[in-house]
Amino acid sequence: MSTNLQNLGKHHGGAWKVAYADFVTAMMALFMVLWLTSQDDETRKEMADFFKDPYNTPMESSMGMMESSGEGDGESNAGQSKGKADIADVEILYRMAQEFMRLLNVDNVAPDERPVDIEVVSDGLRVTLYNRDAYPFFVKGSTQFTEWGTFVIENMAWLLERHDFMIRIDGYSASGFVSKDMDYTEWELSTGRANATRRYLQYYRVTPERFTSVTGYGSTKPLPQIEPEAESNNRVAISLVLNESFNKYDGI
């Protein structure tokens, strides 16, 4: 009896720690396998390409600074880009997106009501400005910016002034827009708002040479799984494409 009690007090080594570490590793591997098998073919292919060459293969899908709007209209078309984000660029882009959202002070707004959505994508940043009733960017039915819209554009211009992005602006409209002028349709509204965004950015000292295109899509490209008439479809997407001379200094 006394011998057993003495043995209980002895140190039995760390073998259990090794076994526990092996168990945790196995569980993590199982989780990764289950996650990979649940992805679509395109995502699995991108993951495979990345791990084949992690320092040179760009990530084609969104890096997801915030919940993606899921627009499938070619806004992040790499063929129009000046460059691709490498590993160091992505880290800087994340910090820039976080700082921009901090300046706007909308972190406490519910995701489905947030007036600004920022995504880190393979060739830069995509900023979507939603013209929602709670935070309207434009005066109803017009291309005139509200006080909130002017505030956002001014802060964005401050960001753009410090980095060599090329800029593409796309305007979208919810369906059902009716104007007193029969010739003023969703096409004119979406194009006018995109162009107004360009003018305001230039007003706040973004040089004209930085803009690659300004396009209006009317109501032809509603957000996925959202009714075409929903106010979230009233939006302007600003694609900030990395230039070859992208500033790599720390912070914004």
C-alpha atoms as a PDB file:
ATOM      1  CA  MET A   1       0.000   0.000   0.000  1.00  0.00           C
ATOM      2  CA  SER A   2       2.777   2.440   0.959  1.00  0.00           C
ATOM      3  CA  THR A   3       4.672   1.535  -2.222  1.00  0.00           C
ATOM      4  CA  ASN A   4       1.658   2.443  -4.383  1.00  0.00           C
ATOM      5  CA  LEU A   5       1.289   5.782  -2.630  1.00  0.00           C
ATOM      6  CA  GLN A   6       4.958   6.541  -3.228  1.00  0.00           C
ATOM      7  CA  ASN A   7       4.579   5.713  -6.918  1.00  0.00           C
ATOM      8  CA  LEU A   8       1.612   8.079  -7.211  1.00  0.00           C
ATOM      9  CA  GLY A   9       3.798  10.939  -6.121  1.00  0.00           C
ATOM     10  CA  LYS A  10       6.503  10.223  -8.669  1.00  0.00           C
ATOM     11  CA  HIS A  11       6.873  12.246 -11.907  1.00  0.00           C
ATOM     12  CA  HIS A  12       5.808  10.129 -14.889  1.00  0.00           C
ATOM     13  CA  GLY A  13       7.378  12.263 -17.664  1.00  0.00           C
ATOM     14  CA  GLY A  14       5.766  14.147 -20.534  1.00  0.00           C
ATOM     15  CA  ALA A  15       4.688  11.283 -22.792  1.00  0.00           C
ATOM     16  CA  TRP A  16       1.053  12.322 -22.417  1.00  0.00           C
ATOM     17  CA  LYS A  17       1.901  15.741 -23.827  1.00  0.00           C
ATOM     18  CA  VAL A  18       3.262  14.183 -27.002  1.00  0.00           C
ATOM     19  CA  ALA A  19       0.152  12.050 -27.366  1.00  0.00           C
ATOM     20  CA  TYR A  20      -2.084  15.071 -26.822  1.00  0.00           C
ATOM     21  CA  ALA A  21      -0.143  17.109 -29.405  1.00  0.00           C
ATOM     22  CA  ASP A  22      -0.532  14.282 -31.927  1.00  0.00           C
ATOM     23  CA  PHE A  23      -4.269  14.191 -31.212  1.00  0.00           C
ATOM     24  CA  VAL A  24      -4.661  17.957 -31.741  1.00  0.00           C
ATOM     25  CA  THR A  25      -2.654  17.777 -34.974  1.00  0.00           C
ATOM     26  CA  ALA A  26      -4.820  14.937 -36.247  1.00  0.00           C
ATOM     27  CA  MET A  27      -7.998  16.858 -35.425  1.00  0.00           C
ATOM     28  CA  MET A  28      -6.694  19.931 -37.232  1.00  0.00           C
ATOM     29  CA  ALA A  29      -5.807  17.852 -40.272  1.00  0.00           C
ATOM     30  CA  LEU A  30      -9.291  16.312 -40.225  1.00  0.00           C
ATOM     31  CA  PHE A  31     -10.850  19.774 -40.021  1.00  0.00           C
ATOM     32  CA  MET A  32      -8.794  20.989 -42.993  1.00  0.00           C
ATOM     33  CA  VAL A  33      -9.755  17.948 -45.083  1.00  0.00           C
ATOM     34  CA  LEU A  34     -13.454  18.401 -44.267  1.00  0.00           C
ATOM     35  CA  TRP A  35     -13.240  22.119 -45.091  1.00  0.00           C
ATOM     36  CA  LEU A  36     -11.463  21.520 -48.401  1.00  0.00           C
ATOM     37  CA  THR A  37     -13.918  18.838 -49.496  1.00  0.00           C
ATOM     38  CA  SER A  38     -16.805  21.249 -48.869  1.00  0.00           C
ATOM     39  CA  GLN A  39     -15.376  23.891 -51.258  1.00  0.00           C
ATOM     40  CA  ASP A  40     -16.182  24.164 -54.941  1.00  0.00           C
ATOM     41  CA  ASP A  41     -13.739  23.067 -57.655  1.00  0.00           C
ATOM     42  CA  GLU A  42     -12.547  26.603 -58.379  1.00  0.00           C
ATOM     43  CA  THR A  43     -11.634  27.309 -54.761  1.00  0.00           C
ATOM     44  CA  ARG A  44      -9.768  23.988 -54.418  1.00  0.00           C
ATOM     45  CA  LYS A  45      -7.818  24.740 -57.585  1.00  0.00           C
ATOM     46  CA  GLU A  46      -6.844  28.209 -56.310  1.00  0.00           C
ATOM     47  CA  MET A  47      -5.716  26.743 -52.989  1.00  0.00           C
ATOM     48  CA  ALA A  48      -3.637  24.106 -54.786  1.00  0.00           C
ATOM     49  CA  ASP A  49      -2.036  26.735 -57.041  1.00  0.00           C
ATOM     50  CA  PHE A  50      -1.206  28.923 -54.078  1.00  0.00           C
ATOM     51  CA  PHE A  51       0.581  26.206 -52.111  1.00  0.00           C
ATOM     52  CA  LYS A  52       2.522  25.161 -55.208  1.00  0.00           C
ATOM     53  CA  ASP A  53       4.028  28.654 -55.377  1.00  0.00           C
ATOM     54  CA  PRO A  54       2.898  30.707 -52.351  1.00  0.00           C
ATOM     55  CA  TYR A  55       5.122  33.720 -53.025  1.00  0.00           C
ATOM     56  CA  ASN A  56       4.298  34.264 -56.683  1.00  0.00           C
ATOM     57  CA  THR A  57       0.778  32.947 -57.251  1.00  0.00           C
ATOM     58  CA  PRO A  58      -1.851  35.668 -56.756  1.00  0.00           C
ATOM     59  CA  MET A  59      -4.995  34.874 -54.850  1.00  0.00           C
ATOM     60  CA  GLU A  60      -7.777  35.324 -57.361  1.00  0.00           C
ATOM     61  CA  SER A  61     -10.593  35.319 -54.836  1.00  0.00           C
ATOM     62  CA  SER A  62     -11.396  38.096 -52.417  1.00  0.00           C
ATOM     63  CA  MET A  63      -9.339  38.250 -49.260  1.00  0.00           C
ATOM     64  CA  GLY A  64     -12.474  39.375 -47.440  1.00  0.00           C
ATOM     65  CA  MET A  65     -11.667  42.400 -45.302  1.00  0.00           C
ATOM     66  CA  MET A  66     -15.424  42.494 -44.833  1.00  0.00           C
ATOM     67  CA  GLU A  67     -18.285  40.402 -46.019  1.00  0.00           C
ATOM     68  CA  SER A  68     -18.191  40.263 -49.793  1.00  0.00           C
ATOM     69  CA  SER A  69     -21.128  41.680 -51.673  1.00  0.00           C
ATOM     70  CA  GLY A  70     -20.777  38.741 -54.054  1.00  0.00           C
ATOM     71  CA  GLU A  71     -21.026  40.768 -57.238  1.00  0.00           C
ATOM     72  CA  GLY A  72     -20.345  38.622 -60.256  1.00  0.00           C
ATOM     73  CA  ASP A  73     -20.003  41.362 -62.844  1.00  0.00           C
ATOM     74  CA  GLY A  74     -16.287  41.248 -63.489  1.00  0.00           C
ATOM     75  CA  GLU A  75     -15.455  44.220 -61.273  1.00  0.00           C
ATOM     76  CA  SER A  76     -12.217  42.540 -60.174  1.00  0.00           C
ATOM     77  CA  ASN A  77     -11.205  41.556 -63.685  1.00  0.00           C
ATOM     78  CA  ALA A  78      -7.464  41.002 -63.454  1.00  0.00           C
ATOM     79  CA  GLY A  79      -7.045  41.783 -67.153  1.00  0.00           C
ATOM     80  CA  GLN A  80      -7.617  45.457 -66.402  1.00  0.00           C
ATOM     81  CA  SER A  81      -5.139  45.613 -63.546  1.00  0.00           C
ATOM     82  CA  LYS A  82      -1.709  47.182 -63.500  1.00  0.00           C
ATOM     83  CA  GLY A  83      -0.286  44.736 -61.006  1.00  0.00           C
ATOM     84  CA  LYS A  84      -0.937  41.910 -58.563  1.00  0.00           C
ATOM     85  CA  ALA A  85      -0.749  41.907 -54.807  1.00  0.00           C
ATOM     86  CA  ASP A  86       2.105  39.910 -53.336  1.00  0.00           C
ATOM     87  CA  ILE A  87       2.205  38.756 -49.726  1.00  0.00           C
ATOM     88  CA  ALA A  88       3.606  42.080 -48.437  1.00  0.00           C
ATOM     89  CA  ASP A  89       1.071  44.092 -50.440  1.00  0.00           C
ATOM     90  CA  VAL A  90      -1.860  42.180 -48.980  1.00  0.00           C
ATOM     91  CA  GLU A  91      -0.801  43.022 -45.437  1.00  0.00           C
ATOM     92  CA  ILE A  92      -0.606  46.729 -46.314  1.00  0.00           C
ATOM     93  CA  LEU A  93      -3.976  46.591 -48.086  1.00  0.00           C
ATOM     94  CA  TYR A  94      -5.598  45.101 -44.995  1.00  0.00           C
ATOM     95  CA  ARG A  95      -4.189  47.878 -42.834  1.00  0.00           C
ATOM     96  CA  MET A  96      -5.393  50.497 -45.296  1.00  0.00           C
ATOM     97  CA  ALA A  97      -8.906  49.032 -45.331  1.00  0.00           C
ATOM     98  CA  GLN A  98      -9.025  48.890 -41.538  1.00  0.00           C
ATOM     99  CA  GLU A  99      -7.829  52.474 -41.213  1.00  0.00           C
ATOM    100  CA  PHE A 100     -10.364  53.725 -43.757  1.00  0.00           C
ATOM    101  CA  MET A 101     -13.238  52.042 -41.915  1.00  0.00           C
ATOM    102  CA  ARG A 102     -11.943  53.475 -38.642  1.00  0.00           C
ATOM    103  CA  LEU A 103     -12.061  56.969 -40.139  1.00  0.00           C
ATOM    104  CA  LEU A 104     -15.671  56.465 -41.203  1.00  0.00           C
ATOM    105  CA  ASN A 105     -16.647  55.160 -37.745  1.00  0.00           C
ATOM    106  CA  VAL A 106     -19.236  52.652 -38.983  1.00  0.00           C
ATOM    107  CA  ASP A 107     -17.944  49.551 -37.206  1.00  0.00           C
ATOM    108  CA  ASN A 108     -21.031  49.356 -34.997  1.00  0.00           C
ATOM    109  CA  VAL A 109     -23.453  49.298 -37.919  1.00  0.00           C
ATOM    110  CA  ALA A 110     -25.024  45.911 -38.708  1.00  0.00           C
ATOM    111  CA  PRO A 111     -23.335  44.236 -41.720  1.00  0.00           C
ATOM    112  CA  ASP A 112     -26.501  44.241 -43.852  1.00  0.00           C
ATOM    113  CA  GLU A 113     -26.976  47.964 -43.183  1.00  0.00           C
ATOM    114  CA  ARG A 114     -23.346  49.064 -43.470  1.00  0.00           C
ATOM    115  CA  PRO A 115     -22.985  51.960 -45.949  1.00  0.00           C
ATOM    116  CA  VAL A 116     -19.464  50.999 -47.007  1.00  0.00           C
ATOM    117  CA  ASP A 117     -18.012  47.582 -47.834  1.00  0.00           C
ATOM    118  CA  ILE A 118     -14.285  47.070 -48.455  1.00  0.00           C
ATOM    119  CA  GLU A 119     -12.770  43.950 -49.967  1.00  0.00           C
ATOM    120  CA  VAL A 120      -9.088  43.108 -50.384  1.00  0.00           C
ATOM    121  CA  VAL A 121      -8.895  41.435 -53.789  1.00  0.00           C
ATOM    122  CA  SER A 122      -6.079  39.973 -55.860  1.00  0.00           C
ATOM    123  CA  ASP A 123      -5.162  43.262 -57.528  1.00  0.00           C
ATOM    124  CA  GLY A 124      -5.977  45.833 -54.857  1.00  0.00           C
ATOM    125  CA  LEU A 125      -9.093  47.025 -53.025  1.00  0.00           C
ATOM    126  CA  ARG A 126     -12.747  47.238 -53.988  1.00  0.00           C
ATOM    127  CA  VAL A 127     -14.845  49.778 -52.102  1.00  0.00           C
ATOM    128  CA  THR A 128     -18.633  49.622 -52.466  1.00  0.00           C
ATOM    129  CA  LEU A 129     -20.677  52.641 -51.419  1.00  0.00           C
ATOM    130  CA  TYR A 130     -24.309  51.721 -50.746  1.00  0.00           C
ATOM    131  CA  ASN A 131     -26.926  54.437 -51.158  1.00  0.00           C
ATOM    132  CA  ARG A 132     -29.178  53.272 -48.313  1.00  0.00           C
ATOM    133  CA  ASP A 133     -31.838  55.358 -46.576  1.00  0.00           C
ATOM    134  CA  ALA A 134     -29.998  55.190 -43.238  1.00  0.00           C
ATOM    135  CA  TYR A 135     -26.765  56.546 -44.790  1.00  0.00           C
ATOM    136  CA  PRO A 136     -27.662  58.094 -48.168  1.00  0.00           C
ATOM    137  CA  PHE A 137     -24.739  59.034 -50.405  1.00  0.00           C
ATOM    138  CA  PHE A 138     -26.887  60.866 -52.914  1.00  0.00           C
ATOM    139  CA  VAL A 139     -29.941  63.067 -52.703  1.00  0.00           C
ATOM    140  CA  LYS A 140     -32.885  60.874 -53.707  1.00  0.00           C
ATOM    141  CA  GLY A 141     -33.128  60.360 -57.462  1.00  0.00           C
ATOM    142  CA  SER A 142     -30.141  62.587 -58.227  1.00  0.00           C
ATOM    143  CA  THR A 143     -26.359  62.634 -58.617  1.00  0.00           C
ATOM    144  CA  GLN A 144     -25.892  65.231 -55.865  1.00  0.00           C
ATOM    145  CA  PHE A 145     -23.906  64.018 -52.861  1.00  0.00           C
ATOM    146  CA  THR A 146     -25.291  64.273 -49.347  1.00  0.00           C
ATOM    147  CA  GLU A 147     -23.183  65.546 -46.469  1.00  0.00           C
ATOM    148  CA  TRP A 148     -22.370  61.933 -45.546  1.00  0.00           C
ATOM    149  CA  GLY A 149     -21.424  61.100 -49.144  1.00  0.00           C
ATOM    150  CA  THR A 150     -19.114  64.101 -49.320  1.00  0.00           C
ATOM    151  CA  PHE A 151     -17.465  63.049 -46.042  1.00  0.00           C
ATOM    152  CA  VAL A 152     -16.766  59.529 -47.361  1.00  0.00           C
ATOM    153  CA  ILE A 153     -15.386  60.737 -50.710  1.00  0.00           C
ATOM    154  CA  GLU A 154     -13.163  63.279 -48.983  1.00  0.00           C
ATOM    155  CA  ASN A 155     -11.650  60.582 -46.763  1.00  0.00           C
ATOM    156  CA  MET A 156     -11.198  58.253 -49.725  1.00  0.00           C
ATOM    157  CA  ALA A 157      -9.403  60.966 -51.667  1.00  0.00           C
ATOM    158  CA  TRP A 158      -7.080  61.414 -48.690  1.00  0.00           C
ATOM    159  CA  LEU A 159      -6.276  57.708 -48.880  1.00  0.00           C
ATOM    160  CA  LEU A 160      -5.795  57.693 -52.657  1.00  0.00           C
ATOM    161  CA  GLU A 161      -3.507  60.701 -52.552  1.00  0.00           C
ATOM    162  CA  ARG A 162      -0.953  58.616 -50.640  1.00  0.00           C
ATOM    163  CA  HIS A 163      -0.901  55.508 -52.835  1.00  0.00           C
ATOM    164  CA  ASP A 164      -0.525  54.893 -56.548  1.00  0.00           C
ATOM    165  CA  PHE A 165      -3.767  53.111 -57.303  1.00  0.00           C
ATOM    166  CA  MET A 166      -5.419  53.153 -60.668  1.00  0.00           C
ATOM    167  CA  ILE A 167      -9.150  53.762 -60.243  1.00  0.00           C
ATOM    168  CA  ARG A 168     -12.189  52.202 -61.910  1.00  0.00           C
ATOM    169  CA  ILE A 169     -15.680  53.412 -60.957  1.00  0.00           C
ATOM    170  CA  ASP A 170     -18.897  51.489 -61.671  1.00  0.00           C
ATOM    171  CA  GLY A 171     -22.391  52.735 -60.916  1.00  0.00           C
ATOM    172  CA  TYR A 172     -25.458  50.528 -60.319  1.00  0.00           C
ATOM    173  CA  SER A 173     -29.140  51.172 -59.759  1.00  0.00           C
ATOM    174  CA  ALA A 174     -32.059  49.318 -58.262  1.00  0.00           C
ATOM    175  CA  SER A 175     -34.844  48.587 -60.722  1.00  0.00           C
ATOM    176  CA  GLY A 176     -38.059  50.567 -60.596  1.00  0.00           C
ATOM    177  CA  PHE A 177     -36.500  54.021 -60.784  1.00  0.00           C
ATOM    178  CA  VAL A 178     -38.999  56.563 -62.164  1.00  0.00           C
ATOM    179  CA  SER A 179     -38.129  60.122 -63.165  1.00  0.00           C
ATOM    180  CA  LYS A 180     -40.217  63.071 -64.288  1.00  0.00           C
ATOM    181  CA  ASP A 181     -38.049  63.090 -67.392  1.00  0.00           C
ATOM    182  CA  MET A 182     -38.889  60.003 -69.445  1.00  0.00           C
ATOM    183  CA  ASP A 183     -35.437  60.121 -71.043  1.00  0.00           C
ATOM    184  CA  TYR A 184     -33.708  59.964 -67.640  1.00  0.00           C
ATOM    185  CA  THR A 185     -33.598  56.275 -66.752  1.00  0.00           C
ATOM    186  CA  GLU A 186     -31.655  53.928 -64.482  1.00  0.00           C
ATOM    187  CA  TRP A 187     -28.838  54.032 -67.039  1.00  0.00           C
ATOM    188  CA  GLU A 188     -28.422  57.800 -66.786  1.00  0.00           C
ATOM    189  CA  LEU A 189     -28.723  57.693 -62.990  1.00  0.00           C
ATOM    190  CA  SER A 190     -26.078  54.986 -62.470  1.00  0.00           C
ATOM    191  CA  THR A 191     -23.699  56.553 -64.988  1.00  0.00           C
ATOM    192  CA  GLY A 192     -24.209  60.025 -63.538  1.00  0.00           C
ATOM    193  CA  ARG A 193     -23.471  58.864 -60.006  1.00  0.00           C
ATOM    194  CA  ALA A 194     -20.318  57.073 -61.100  1.00  0.00           C
ATOM    195  CA  ASN A 195     -19.180  60.202 -62.924  1.00  0.00           C
ATOM    196  CA  ALA A 196     -20.087  62.412 -59.957  1.00  0.00           C
ATOM    197  CA  THR A 197     -17.866  60.199 -57.790  1.00  0.00           C
ATOM    198  CA  ARG A 198     -14.989  60.734 -60.221  1.00  0.00           C
ATOM    199  CA  ARG A 199     -15.527  64.514 -60.214  1.00  0.00           C
ATOM    200  CA  TYR A 200     -15.565  64.700 -56.415  1.00  0.00           C
ATOM    201  CA  LEU A 201     -12.399  62.618 -56.123  1.00  0.00           C
ATOM    202  CA  GLN A 202     -10.713  64.928 -58.622  1.00  0.00           C
ATOM    203  CA  TYR A 203     -12.001  67.931 -56.697  1.00  0.00           C
ATOM    204  CA  TYR A 204     -10.182  66.570 -53.659  1.00  0.00           C
ATOM    205  CA  ARG A 205      -6.935  66.345 -55.654  1.00  0.00           C
ATOM    206  CA  VAL A 206      -6.951  62.864 -57.149  1.00  0.00           C
ATOM    207  CA  THR A 207      -5.292  63.383 -60.538  1.00  0.00           C
ATOM    208  CA  PRO A 208      -7.360  62.611 -63.691  1.00  0.00           C
ATOM    209  CA  GLU A 209      -4.672  60.245 -65.022  1.00  0.00           C
ATOM    210  CA  ARG A 210      -5.471  57.764 -62.252  1.00  0.00           C
ATOM    211  CA  PHE A 211      -8.936  56.933 -63.629  1.00  0.00           C
ATOM    212  CA  THR A 212      -9.154  54.054 -66.110  1.00  0.00           C
ATOM    213  CA  SER A 213     -12.933  53.877 -66.630  1.00  0.00           C
ATOM    214  CA  VAL A 214     -16.261  55.246 -65.410  1.00  0.00           C
ATOM    215  CA  THR A 215     -19.231  53.008 -66.218  1.00  0.00           C
ATOM    216  CA  GLY A 216     -22.932  52.836 -65.451  1.00  0.00           C
ATOM    217  CA  TYR A 217     -24.766  49.498 -65.495  1.00  0.00           C
ATOM    218  CA  GLY A 218     -28.279  50.663 -64.709  1.00  0.00           C
ATOM    219  CA  SER A 219     -30.269  47.908 -63.007  1.00  0.00           C
ATOM    220  CA  THR A 220     -28.761  45.089 -65.101  1.00  0.00           C
ATOM    221  CA  LYS A 221     -26.478  43.767 -62.339  1.00  0.00           C
ATOM    222  CA  PRO A 222     -28.372  43.432 -59.043  1.00  0.00           C
ATOM    223  CA  LEU A 223     -26.640  41.859 -56.077  1.00  0.00           C
ATOM    224  CA  PRO A 224     -27.020  38.062 -55.778  1.00  0.00           C
ATOM    225  CA  GLN A 225     -29.947  36.768 -53.706  1.00  0.00           C
ATOM    226  CA  ILE A 226     -31.384  40.277 -53.354  1.00  0.00           C
ATOM    227  CA  GLU A 227     -34.546  41.582 -54.971  1.00  0.00           C
ATOM    228  CA  PRO A 228     -33.766  43.862 -57.952  1.00  0.00           C
ATOM    229  CA  GLU A 229     -35.789  46.655 -56.297  1.00  0.00           C
ATOM    230  CA  ALA A 230     -33.814  46.510 -53.020  1.00  0.00           C
ATOM    231  CA  GLU A 231     -32.065  49.718 -52.001  1.00  0.00           C
ATOM    232  CA  SER A 232     -28.744  47.868 -51.642  1.00  0.00           C
ATOM    233  CA  ASN A 233     -28.595  47.733 -55.441  1.00  0.00           C
ATOM    234  CA  ASN A 234     -28.212  51.514 -55.486  1.00  0.00           C
ATOM    235  CA  ARG A 235     -24.449  51.557 -55.168  1.00  0.00           C
ATOM    236  CA  VAL A 236     -21.149  52.762 -56.578  1.00  0.00           C
ATOM    237  CA  ALA A 237     -18.191  50.363 -56.679  1.00  0.00           C
ATOM    238  CA  ILE A 238     -14.707  51.877 -56.718  1.00  0.00           C
ATOM    239  CA  SER A 239     -11.958  49.445 -57.725  1.00  0.00           C
ATOM    240  CA  LEU A 240      -8.512  50.541 -56.569  1.00  0.00           C
ATOM    241  CA  VAL A 241      -6.068  48.605 -58.713  1.00  0.00           C
ATOM    242  CA  LEU A 242      -2.443  48.259 -57.693  1.00  0.00           C
ATOM    243  CA  ASN A 243      -0.003  50.148 -59.840  1.00  0.00           C
ATOM    244  CA  GLU A 244       3.547  48.904 -60.357  1.00  0.00           C
ATOM    245  CA  SER A 245       4.773  51.790 -58.198  1.00  0.00           C
ATOM    246  CA  PHE A 246       2.473  50.919 -55.275  1.00  0.00           C
ATOM    247  CA  ASN A 247       3.837  52.568 -52.133  1.00  0.00           C
ATOM    248  CA  LYS A 248       5.108  49.900 -49.760  1.00  0.00           C
ATOM    249  CA  TYR A 249       5.832  52.063 -46.742  1.00  0.00           C
ATOM    250  CA  ASP A 250       4.378  51.126 -43.359  1.00  0.00           C
ATOM    251  CA  GLY A 251       0.986  52.549 -42.521  1.00  0.00           C
ATOM    252  CA  ILE A 252      -1.243  54.871 -44.548  1.00  0.00           C
END
